[in-house]
Amino acid sequence: MTRWLVTGGAGYIGAHVAQALIDSGREVTVIDSLSSGRREFVPEAARFVEGSLLDRAALGRALEGAAGVIHLAGYKYAGESVRHPLHTYTQNVTGTVELLEAMREAAVANIVFSSSAGVYGTPDVA
């Protein structure tokens, strides 16, 4: 049985992804800082690590035994990102770099990255 790490797994989408993985017979670890997610959203069958992607020790614990990562953690509030661009950058860019570095150290090579449609901009439609 394989174990997958779901970052942001206490959020709405992350919790559903974690449950789908469990339902498919996989073991799941969730890492979430609970800054916007809710602990009660994490499926009971999942192992939970409370922590930020900026916390290398928490990432190390979360990656133990993982075959891959589904990366859903991110600071997604558009208005706030304009008001606090450095905070958003740190959470999203630096956090992802920390995750990738921790994955390299843990020899975890598989990642699925998910993002909102906002990363593509507004389409030019006549």
N, C-alpha and C. Protein backbone atom coordinates (compact mmCIF):
# COMPACT_ATOMS: atom_id res chain seq x y z
N MET A 1 0.85 -1.18 0.00
CA MET A 1 0.00 0.00 0.00
C MET A 1 0.90 1.24 0.00
N THR A 2 0.56 2.21 -0.84
CA THR A 2 1.37 3.43 -0.91
C THR A 2 0.80 4.52 -0.03
N ARG A 3 1.68 5.37 0.45
CA ARG A 3 1.28 6.53 1.25
C ARG A 3 1.52 7.78 0.43
N TRP A 4 0.55 8.67 0.44
CA TRP A 4 0.66 9.96 -0.23
C TRP A 4 0.48 11.08 0.78
N LEU A 5 1.24 12.14 0.59
CA LEU A 5 1.12 13.34 1.40
C LEU A 5 0.24 14.34 0.66
N VAL A 6 -0.76 14.88 1.35
CA VAL A 6 -1.60 15.93 0.79
C VAL A 6 -1.31 17.21 1.56
N THR A 7 -0.70 18.19 0.88
CA THR A 7 -0.47 19.48 1.51
C THR A 7 -1.76 20.28 1.42
N GLY A 8 -2.10 20.99 2.48
CA GLY A 8 -3.36 21.72 2.48
C GLY A 8 -4.56 20.80 2.62
N GLY A 9 -4.34 19.65 3.23
CA GLY A 9 -5.37 18.62 3.33
C GLY A 9 -6.47 18.90 4.34
N ALA A 10 -6.41 20.03 5.04
CA ALA A 10 -7.49 20.41 5.95
C ALA A 10 -8.40 21.45 5.30
N GLY A 11 -8.14 21.76 4.05
CA GLY A 11 -9.01 22.64 3.28
C GLY A 11 -10.10 21.83 2.60
N TYR A 12 -11.04 22.51 1.98
CA TYR A 12 -12.17 21.83 1.36
C TYR A 12 -11.72 20.85 0.28
N ILE A 13 -10.93 21.31 -0.67
CA ILE A 13 -10.49 20.43 -1.76
C ILE A 13 -9.51 19.39 -1.24
N GLY A 14 -8.56 19.81 -0.41
CA GLY A 14 -7.57 18.89 0.12
C GLY A 14 -8.18 17.75 0.90
N ALA A 15 -9.19 18.04 1.70
CA ALA A 15 -9.85 16.99 2.48
C ALA A 15 -10.55 15.99 1.57
N HIS A 16 -11.15 16.48 0.49
CA HIS A 16 -11.81 15.57 -0.45
C HIS A 16 -10.79 14.72 -1.21
N VAL A 17 -9.66 15.32 -1.58
CA VAL A 17 -8.60 14.55 -2.23
C VAL A 17 -8.07 13.49 -1.28
N ALA A 18 -7.82 13.86 -0.03
CA ALA A 18 -7.34 12.90 0.96
C ALA A 18 -8.31 11.74 1.11
N GLN A 19 -9.60 12.03 1.18
CA GLN A 19 -10.60 10.97 1.32
C GLN A 19 -10.65 10.09 0.09
N ALA A 20 -10.53 10.67 -1.09
CA ALA A 20 -10.51 9.88 -2.33
C ALA A 20 -9.32 8.93 -2.35
N LEU A 21 -8.16 9.41 -1.89
CA LEU A 21 -6.98 8.54 -1.83
C LEU A 21 -7.21 7.39 -0.85
N ILE A 22 -7.79 7.70 0.29
CA ILE A 22 -8.09 6.66 1.29
C ILE A 22 -9.06 5.65 0.70
N ASP A 23 -10.10 6.16 0.04
CA ASP A 23 -11.10 5.28 -0.57
C ASP A 23 -10.51 4.38 -1.64
N SER A 24 -9.40 4.82 -2.25
CA SER A 24 -8.75 4.02 -3.30
C SER A 24 -7.75 3.02 -2.72
N GLY A 25 -7.65 2.98 -1.37
CA GLY A 25 -6.79 2.00 -0.74
C GLY A 25 -5.41 2.52 -0.37
N ARG A 26 -5.18 3.81 -0.52
CA ARG A 26 -3.88 4.37 -0.17
C ARG A 26 -3.89 4.89 1.26
N GLU A 27 -2.71 4.94 1.85
CA GLU A 27 -2.54 5.60 3.14
C GLU A 27 -2.29 7.07 2.86
N VAL A 28 -2.72 7.93 3.77
CA VAL A 28 -2.61 9.37 3.55
C VAL A 28 -2.06 10.06 4.78
N THR A 29 -1.14 10.99 4.52
CA THR A 29 -0.72 11.95 5.54
C THR A 29 -1.14 13.31 5.04
N VAL A 30 -1.67 14.11 5.93
CA VAL A 30 -2.07 15.49 5.62
C VAL A 30 -1.16 16.41 6.41
N ILE A 31 -0.64 17.45 5.73
CA ILE A 31 0.04 18.53 6.44
C ILE A 31 -0.74 19.80 6.15
N ASP A 32 -1.01 20.55 7.21
CA ASP A 32 -1.76 21.80 7.08
C ASP A 32 -1.43 22.67 8.28
N SER A 33 -1.29 23.97 8.04
CA SER A 33 -1.00 24.90 9.13
C SER A 33 -2.27 25.32 9.86
N LEU A 34 -3.42 24.98 9.31
CA LEU A 34 -4.73 25.36 9.85
C LEU A 34 -4.95 26.86 9.84
N SER A 35 -4.21 27.57 8.98
CA SER A 35 -4.42 29.02 8.86
C SER A 35 -5.75 29.32 8.19
N SER A 36 -6.20 28.45 7.31
CA SER A 36 -7.54 28.59 6.73
C SER A 36 -8.28 27.26 6.69
N GLY A 37 -7.56 26.15 6.81
CA GLY A 37 -8.20 24.84 6.86
C GLY A 37 -8.74 24.55 8.24
N ARG A 38 -9.49 23.47 8.33
CA ARG A 38 -10.09 23.08 9.61
C ARG A 38 -9.72 21.64 9.93
N ARG A 39 -9.25 21.43 11.14
CA ARG A 39 -8.80 20.11 11.57
C ARG A 39 -9.89 19.06 11.37
N GLU A 40 -11.14 19.44 11.62
CA GLU A 40 -12.23 18.47 11.51
C GLU A 40 -12.51 18.04 10.07
N PHE A 41 -11.95 18.74 9.08
CA PHE A 41 -12.10 18.32 7.68
C PHE A 41 -11.20 17.15 7.32
N VAL A 42 -10.11 16.97 8.07
CA VAL A 42 -9.14 15.90 7.77
C VAL A 42 -9.80 14.55 8.05
N PRO A 43 -9.79 13.64 7.06
CA PRO A 43 -10.39 12.33 7.29
C PRO A 43 -9.77 11.62 8.49
N GLU A 44 -10.60 10.91 9.22
CA GLU A 44 -10.12 10.19 10.42
C GLU A 44 -9.01 9.21 10.10
N ALA A 45 -9.07 8.60 8.93
CA ALA A 45 -8.07 7.58 8.57
C ALA A 45 -6.72 8.19 8.17
N ALA A 46 -6.67 9.49 8.01
CA ALA A 46 -5.41 10.13 7.61
C ALA A 46 -4.56 10.46 8.82
N ARG A 47 -3.25 10.35 8.64
CA ARG A 47 -2.30 10.83 9.64
C ARG A 47 -2.20 12.34 9.45
N PHE A 48 -2.22 13.11 10.54
CA PHE A 48 -2.22 14.56 10.44
C PHE A 48 -0.96 15.15 11.07
N VAL A 49 -0.32 16.04 10.31
CA VAL A 49 0.83 16.80 10.82
C VAL A 49 0.44 18.27 10.72
N GLU A 50 0.36 18.94 11.87
CA GLU A 50 0.07 20.37 11.85
C GLU A 50 1.39 21.11 11.64
N GLY A 51 1.44 21.87 10.56
CA GLY A 51 2.65 22.61 10.28
C GLY A 51 2.59 23.31 8.95
N SER A 52 3.48 24.26 8.79
CA SER A 52 3.60 25.05 7.57
C SER A 52 4.61 24.40 6.63
N LEU A 53 4.48 24.71 5.35
CA LEU A 53 5.48 24.24 4.40
C LEU A 53 6.82 24.93 4.63
N LEU A 54 6.82 25.98 5.42
CA LEU A 54 8.05 26.68 5.76
C LEU A 54 8.78 26.02 6.93
N ASP A 55 8.17 25.02 7.52
CA ASP A 55 8.73 24.31 8.69
C ASP A 55 9.32 22.99 8.21
N ARG A 56 10.63 22.98 8.01
CA ARG A 56 11.30 21.80 7.44
C ARG A 56 11.13 20.57 8.31
N ALA A 57 11.12 20.73 9.63
CA ALA A 57 10.95 19.57 10.52
C ALA A 57 9.57 18.96 10.33
N ALA A 58 8.54 19.79 10.24
CA ALA A 58 7.18 19.28 10.02
C ALA A 58 7.09 18.60 8.66
N LEU A 59 7.72 19.18 7.64
CA LEU A 59 7.73 18.55 6.32
C LEU A 59 8.42 17.19 6.37
N GLY A 60 9.51 17.11 7.08
CA GLY A 60 10.22 15.83 7.21
C GLY A 60 9.34 14.77 7.84
N ARG A 61 8.62 15.13 8.90
CA ARG A 61 7.70 14.17 9.55
C ARG A 61 6.58 13.77 8.58
N ALA A 62 6.06 14.74 7.86
CA ALA A 62 4.94 14.47 6.96
C ALA A 62 5.35 13.59 5.79
N LEU A 63 6.57 13.71 5.34
CA LEU A 63 7.04 12.94 4.18
C LEU A 63 7.49 11.52 4.51
N GLU A 64 7.55 11.18 5.78
CA GLU A 64 7.99 9.83 6.16
C GLU A 64 7.12 8.77 5.49
N GLY A 65 7.76 7.92 4.71
CA GLY A 65 7.07 6.82 4.05
C GLY A 65 6.25 7.20 2.84
N ALA A 66 6.32 8.45 2.41
CA ALA A 66 5.49 8.90 1.28
C ALA A 66 6.06 8.45 -0.06
N ALA A 67 5.17 8.05 -0.95
CA ALA A 67 5.54 7.73 -2.32
C ALA A 67 5.39 8.95 -3.22
N GLY A 68 4.58 9.91 -2.77
CA GLY A 68 4.35 11.10 -3.57
C GLY A 68 3.59 12.15 -2.78
N VAL A 69 3.44 13.31 -3.42
CA VAL A 69 2.80 14.46 -2.79
C VAL A 69 1.75 15.02 -3.74
N ILE A 70 0.61 15.36 -3.19
CA ILE A 70 -0.37 16.16 -3.92
C ILE A 70 -0.36 17.51 -3.22
N HIS A 71 0.13 18.51 -3.95
CA HIS A 71 0.39 19.83 -3.37
C HIS A 71 -0.79 20.76 -3.63
N LEU A 72 -1.56 20.99 -2.56
CA LEU A 72 -2.74 21.85 -2.64
C LEU A 72 -2.63 23.06 -1.72
N ALA A 73 -1.57 23.13 -0.93
CA ALA A 73 -1.42 24.23 0.02
C ALA A 73 -1.00 25.49 -0.72
N GLY A 74 -1.64 26.57 -0.39
CA GLY A 74 -1.27 27.84 -0.99
C GLY A 74 -2.12 28.96 -0.43
N TYR A 75 -1.56 30.13 -0.47
CA TYR A 75 -2.28 31.32 -0.03
C TYR A 75 -3.00 31.86 -1.26
N LYS A 76 -4.33 31.82 -1.24
CA LYS A 76 -5.10 32.02 -2.47
C LYS A 76 -5.99 33.25 -2.48
N TYR A 77 -5.81 34.15 -1.58
CA TYR A 77 -6.71 35.29 -1.47
C TYR A 77 -6.21 36.45 -2.31
N ALA A 78 -6.86 36.69 -3.46
CA ALA A 78 -6.38 37.67 -4.44
C ALA A 78 -6.21 39.06 -3.84
N GLY A 79 -7.22 39.57 -3.16
CA GLY A 79 -7.14 40.90 -2.58
C GLY A 79 -6.01 41.02 -1.58
N GLU A 80 -5.87 40.00 -0.73
CA GLU A 80 -4.79 39.98 0.26
C GLU A 80 -3.42 39.90 -0.40
N SER A 81 -3.35 39.19 -1.51
CA SER A 81 -2.05 39.06 -2.18
C SER A 81 -1.57 40.39 -2.73
N VAL A 82 -2.50 41.26 -3.10
CA VAL A 82 -2.12 42.59 -3.57
C VAL A 82 -1.68 43.46 -2.39
N ARG A 83 -2.39 43.33 -1.28
CA ARG A 83 -2.04 44.12 -0.09
C ARG A 83 -0.77 43.63 0.59
N HIS A 84 -0.52 42.32 0.52
CA HIS A 84 0.63 41.71 1.20
C HIS A 84 1.39 40.79 0.24
N PRO A 85 2.01 41.37 -0.79
CA PRO A 85 2.65 40.51 -1.81
C PRO A 85 3.81 39.68 -1.28
N LEU A 86 4.58 40.19 -0.34
CA LEU A 86 5.71 39.41 0.17
C LEU A 86 5.23 38.22 0.99
N HIS A 87 4.18 38.40 1.76
CA HIS A 87 3.60 37.28 2.51
C HIS A 87 3.12 36.20 1.55
N THR A 88 2.42 36.61 0.51
CA THR A 88 1.90 35.65 -0.48
C THR A 88 3.04 34.93 -1.17
N TYR A 89 4.07 35.67 -1.56
CA TYR A 89 5.24 35.08 -2.20
C TYR A 89 5.89 34.05 -1.28
N THR A 90 6.07 34.43 -0.02
CA THR A 90 6.72 33.52 0.93
C THR A 90 5.91 32.24 1.10
N GLN A 91 4.61 32.39 1.27
CA GLN A 91 3.75 31.21 1.47
C GLN A 91 3.73 30.32 0.23
N ASN A 92 3.59 30.91 -0.94
CA ASN A 92 3.40 30.12 -2.15
C ASN A 92 4.69 29.70 -2.84
N VAL A 93 5.59 30.63 -3.04
CA VAL A 93 6.82 30.31 -3.77
C VAL A 93 7.85 29.67 -2.84
N THR A 94 8.15 30.37 -1.75
CA THR A 94 9.14 29.81 -0.82
C THR A 94 8.63 28.51 -0.22
N GLY A 95 7.34 28.45 0.11
CA GLY A 95 6.78 27.21 0.65
C GLY A 95 6.91 26.04 -0.31
N THR A 96 6.69 26.29 -1.60
CA THR A 96 6.83 25.22 -2.60
C THR A 96 8.28 24.81 -2.76
N VAL A 97 9.19 25.77 -2.73
CA VAL A 97 10.63 25.43 -2.79
C VAL A 97 11.02 24.58 -1.59
N GLU A 98 10.56 24.96 -0.40
CA GLU A 98 10.86 24.16 0.80
C GLU A 98 10.31 22.74 0.66
N LEU A 99 9.09 22.63 0.14
CA LEU A 99 8.50 21.30 -0.08
C LEU A 99 9.36 20.48 -1.04
N LEU A 100 9.76 21.08 -2.15
CA LEU A 100 10.57 20.36 -3.14
C LEU A 100 11.92 19.95 -2.57
N GLU A 101 12.53 20.81 -1.79
CA GLU A 101 13.81 20.47 -1.15
C GLU A 101 13.63 19.33 -0.15
N ALA A 102 12.56 19.39 0.64
CA ALA A 102 12.30 18.31 1.61
C ALA A 102 12.00 17.00 0.89
N MET A 103 11.30 17.08 -0.24
CA MET A 103 11.04 15.87 -1.04
C MET A 103 12.34 15.27 -1.55
N ARG A 104 13.23 16.14 -2.03
CA ARG A 104 14.53 15.65 -2.52
C ARG A 104 15.29 14.95 -1.41
N GLU A 105 15.31 15.56 -0.22
CA GLU A 105 16.00 14.96 0.92
C GLU A 105 15.38 13.63 1.33
N ALA A 106 14.06 13.51 1.18
CA ALA A 106 13.36 12.28 1.56
C ALA A 106 13.27 11.28 0.41
N ALA A 107 13.87 11.61 -0.73
CA ALA A 107 13.85 10.76 -1.93
C ALA A 107 12.41 10.47 -2.39
N VAL A 108 11.57 11.49 -2.35
CA VAL A 108 10.20 11.40 -2.86
C VAL A 108 10.17 12.15 -4.18
N ALA A 109 9.94 11.44 -5.28
CA ALA A 109 10.07 12.04 -6.61
C ALA A 109 8.74 12.40 -7.27
N ASN A 110 7.64 11.94 -6.74
CA ASN A 110 6.34 12.14 -7.40
C ASN A 110 5.58 13.31 -6.78
N ILE A 111 5.11 14.23 -7.64
CA ILE A 111 4.32 15.36 -7.16
C ILE A 111 3.22 15.67 -8.17
N VAL A 112 2.06 15.98 -7.62
CA VAL A 112 0.94 16.51 -8.40
C VAL A 112 0.71 17.91 -7.85
N PHE A 113 0.80 18.91 -8.73
CA PHE A 113 0.61 20.30 -8.32
C PHE A 113 -0.72 20.79 -8.85
N SER A 114 -1.51 21.37 -7.98
CA SER A 114 -2.80 21.90 -8.38
C SER A 114 -2.84 23.38 -8.06
N SER A 115 -3.47 24.13 -8.92
CA SER A 115 -3.61 25.56 -8.68
C SER A 115 -4.97 26.01 -9.20
N SER A 116 -5.33 27.23 -8.89
CA SER A 116 -6.60 27.76 -9.36
C SER A 116 -6.45 28.29 -10.78
N ALA A 117 -7.57 28.55 -11.41
CA ALA A 117 -7.57 29.09 -12.76
C ALA A 117 -6.95 30.49 -12.79
N GLY A 118 -6.85 31.13 -11.61
CA GLY A 118 -6.29 32.47 -11.53
C GLY A 118 -4.86 32.57 -12.03
N VAL A 119 -4.12 31.49 -12.04
CA VAL A 119 -2.73 31.54 -12.49
C VAL A 119 -2.64 31.75 -14.00
N TYR A 120 -3.73 31.50 -14.72
CA TYR A 120 -3.72 31.61 -16.16
C TYR A 120 -4.16 33.00 -16.64
N GLY A 121 -4.70 33.82 -15.76
CA GLY A 121 -5.15 35.16 -16.14
C GLY A 121 -6.53 35.12 -16.76
N THR A 122 -6.98 36.28 -17.19
CA THR A 122 -8.30 36.40 -17.80
C THR A 122 -8.16 36.16 -19.30
N PRO A 123 -8.95 35.22 -19.83
CA PRO A 123 -8.82 34.90 -21.27
C PRO A 123 -9.31 36.06 -22.13
N ASP A 124 -8.70 36.21 -23.29
CA ASP A 124 -9.13 37.19 -24.28
C ASP A 124 -10.26 36.57 -25.09
N VAL A 125 -11.46 36.96 -24.80
CA VAL A 125 -12.62 36.41 -25.49
C VAL A 125 -13.41 37.56 -26.08
N ALA A 126 -13.72 37.46 -27.36
CA ALA A 126 -14.46 38.54 -28.02
C ALA A 126 -15.94 38.42 -27.79
